[in-house]
């Protein structure tokens, strides 16, 4: 049985982990856009935010990651097909 202090620390740790997962997803989506559009990081970041809003950019990043992963296989770079 955990104490209230332990429960609060676990809750905080879960929030930090969730936020790190969101940032990782967003950064991977930005990297995909950079490759697809042959642009700089800030341009890709701005495009993702402009096209999808602050709340929707992670959803769009998840979608792009799924597209890249679906085209990937064990022997090729999944981004290479987009050039």
C-alpha atoms as a PDB file:
ATOM      1  CA  UNK A   1       0.000   0.000   0.000  1.00  0.00           C
ATOM      2  CA  UNK A   2       1.437   3.363  -0.992  1.00  0.00           C
ATOM      3  CA  UNK A   3       1.367   6.473   1.113  1.00  0.00           C
ATOM      4  CA  UNK A   4      -0.203   9.715  -0.150  1.00  0.00           C
ATOM      5  CA  UNK A   5       3.312  11.113  -0.697  1.00  0.00           C
ATOM      6  CA  UNK A   6       4.326   8.090  -2.791  1.00  0.00           C
ATOM      7  CA  UNK A   7       1.108   8.329  -4.793  1.00  0.00           C
ATOM      8  CA  UNK A   8       1.749  12.008  -5.508  1.00  0.00           C
ATOM      9  CA  UNK A   9       5.306  11.241  -6.679  1.00  0.00           C
ATOM     10  CA  UNK A  10       4.051   8.429  -8.908  1.00  0.00           C
ATOM     11  CA  UNK A  11       1.405  10.735 -10.387  1.00  0.00           C
ATOM     12  CA  UNK A  12       4.051  13.389 -11.083  1.00  0.00           C
ATOM     13  CA  UNK A  13       6.318  10.794 -12.675  1.00  0.00           C
ATOM     14  CA  UNK A  14       3.467   9.636 -14.931  1.00  0.00           C
ATOM     15  CA  UNK A  15       2.836  13.243 -16.044  1.00  0.00           C
ATOM     16  CA  UNK A  16       6.526  13.740 -16.840  1.00  0.00           C
ATOM     17  CA  UNK A  17       6.669  10.478 -18.782  1.00  0.00           C
ATOM     18  CA  UNK A  18       3.526  11.356 -20.741  1.00  0.00           C
ATOM     19  CA  UNK A  19       4.923  14.797 -21.623  1.00  0.00           C
ATOM     20  CA  UNK A  20       8.239  13.263 -22.732  1.00  0.00           C
ATOM     21  CA  UNK A  21       6.372  10.820 -24.954  1.00  0.00           C
ATOM     22  CA  UNK A  22       4.424  13.715 -26.486  1.00  0.00           C
ATOM     23  CA  UNK A  23       7.608  15.694 -27.156  1.00  0.00           C
ATOM     24  CA  UNK A  24       9.283  12.660 -28.705  1.00  0.00           C
ATOM     25  CA  UNK A  25       6.315  12.105 -31.000  1.00  0.00           C
ATOM     26  CA  UNK A  26       6.203  15.761 -31.973  1.00  0.00           C
ATOM     27  CA  UNK A  27       9.933  15.898 -32.682  1.00  0.00           C
ATOM     28  CA  UNK A  28       9.757  12.739 -34.792  1.00  0.00           C
ATOM     29  CA  UNK A  29       6.858  14.254 -36.748  1.00  0.00           C
ATOM     30  CA  UNK A  30       8.867  17.430 -37.302  1.00  0.00           C
ATOM     31  CA  UNK A  31      11.771  15.339 -38.579  1.00  0.00           C
ATOM     32  CA  UNK A  32       9.454  13.559 -41.006  1.00  0.00           C
ATOM     33  CA  UNK A  33       8.135  16.887 -42.303  1.00  0.00           C
ATOM     34  CA  UNK A  34      11.691  18.147 -42.730  1.00  0.00           C
ATOM     35  CA  UNK A  35      12.459  15.139 -44.914  1.00  0.00           C
ATOM     36  CA  UNK A  36       9.221  15.228 -46.884  1.00  0.00           C
ATOM     37  CA  UNK A  37       9.374  18.986 -47.521  1.00  0.00           C
ATOM     38  CA  UNK A  38      13.160  19.442 -47.600  1.00  0.00           C
ATOM     39  CA  UNK A  39      12.910  22.282 -45.108  1.00  0.00           C
ATOM     40  CA  UNK A  40      14.463  23.514 -41.880  1.00  0.00           C
ATOM     41  CA  UNK A  41      13.283  22.390 -38.453  1.00  0.00           C
ATOM     42  CA  UNK A  42      11.552  25.667 -37.585  1.00  0.00           C
ATOM     43  CA  UNK A  43       9.645  25.702 -40.873  1.00  0.00           C
ATOM     44  CA  UNK A  44       8.448  22.126 -40.283  1.00  0.00           C
ATOM     45  CA  UNK A  45       7.477  22.980 -36.688  1.00  0.00           C
ATOM     46  CA  UNK A  46       5.556  26.072 -37.824  1.00  0.00           C
ATOM     47  CA  UNK A  47       3.788  24.127 -40.572  1.00  0.00           C
ATOM     48  CA  UNK A  48       2.718  21.383 -38.181  1.00  0.00           C
ATOM     49  CA  UNK A  49       1.362  23.922 -35.692  1.00  0.00           C
ATOM     50  CA  UNK A  50      -0.320  26.103 -38.357  1.00  0.00           C
ATOM     51  CA  UNK A  51      -1.968  23.201 -40.153  1.00  0.00           C
ATOM     52  CA  UNK A  52      -3.119  21.338 -37.032  1.00  0.00           C
ATOM     53  CA  UNK A  53      -3.143  23.749 -34.101  1.00  0.00           C
ATOM     54  CA  UNK A  54      -1.376  23.252 -30.808  1.00  0.00           C
ATOM     55  CA  UNK A  55      -3.707  20.460 -29.733  1.00  0.00           C
ATOM     56  CA  UNK A  56      -3.768  18.611 -33.041  1.00  0.00           C
ATOM     57  CA  UNK A  57      -0.076  18.611 -33.855  1.00  0.00           C
ATOM     58  CA  UNK A  58       0.637  15.475 -31.817  1.00  0.00           C
ATOM     59  CA  UNK A  59      -2.250  13.658 -33.509  1.00  0.00           C
ATOM     60  CA  UNK A  60      -0.863  14.588 -36.921  1.00  0.00           C
ATOM     61  CA  UNK A  61       2.652  13.596 -35.843  1.00  0.00           C
ATOM     62  CA  UNK A  62       1.286  10.193 -34.742  1.00  0.00           C
ATOM     63  CA  UNK A  63      -0.369   9.800 -38.158  1.00  0.00           C
ATOM     64  CA  UNK A  64       2.827  10.648 -40.040  1.00  0.00           C
ATOM     65  CA  UNK A  65       4.854   8.244 -37.906  1.00  0.00           C
ATOM     66  CA  UNK A  66       2.325   5.508 -38.672  1.00  0.00           C
ATOM     67  CA  UNK A  67       2.619   6.214 -42.423  1.00  0.00           C
ATOM     68  CA  UNK A  68       6.414   6.025 -42.298  1.00  0.00           C
ATOM     69  CA  UNK A  69       6.370   2.883 -40.164  1.00  0.00           C
ATOM     70  CA  UNK A  70       3.865   1.224 -42.491  1.00  0.00           C
ATOM     71  CA  UNK A  71       6.192   1.735 -45.452  1.00  0.00           C
ATOM     72  CA  UNK A  72       9.306   0.618 -43.603  1.00  0.00           C
ATOM     73  CA  UNK A  73      10.881  -2.785 -43.783  1.00  0.00           C
ATOM     74  CA  UNK A  74      13.962  -4.249 -42.177  1.00  0.00           C
ATOM     75  CA  UNK A  75      16.319  -3.384 -45.024  1.00  0.00           C
ATOM     76  CA  UNK A  76      15.479   0.168 -46.135  1.00  0.00           C
ATOM     77  CA  UNK A  77      15.296   3.652 -44.714  1.00  0.00           C
ATOM     78  CA  UNK A  78      11.548   4.446 -44.506  1.00  0.00           C
ATOM     79  CA  UNK A  79      12.173   8.114 -45.314  1.00  0.00           C
ATOM     80  CA  UNK A  80      14.058   7.306 -48.522  1.00  0.00           C
ATOM     81  CA  UNK A  81      10.848   6.598 -50.458  1.00  0.00           C
ATOM     82  CA  UNK A  82       9.647  10.172 -49.912  1.00  0.00           C
ATOM     83  CA  UNK A  83      12.455  11.863 -51.843  1.00  0.00           C
END
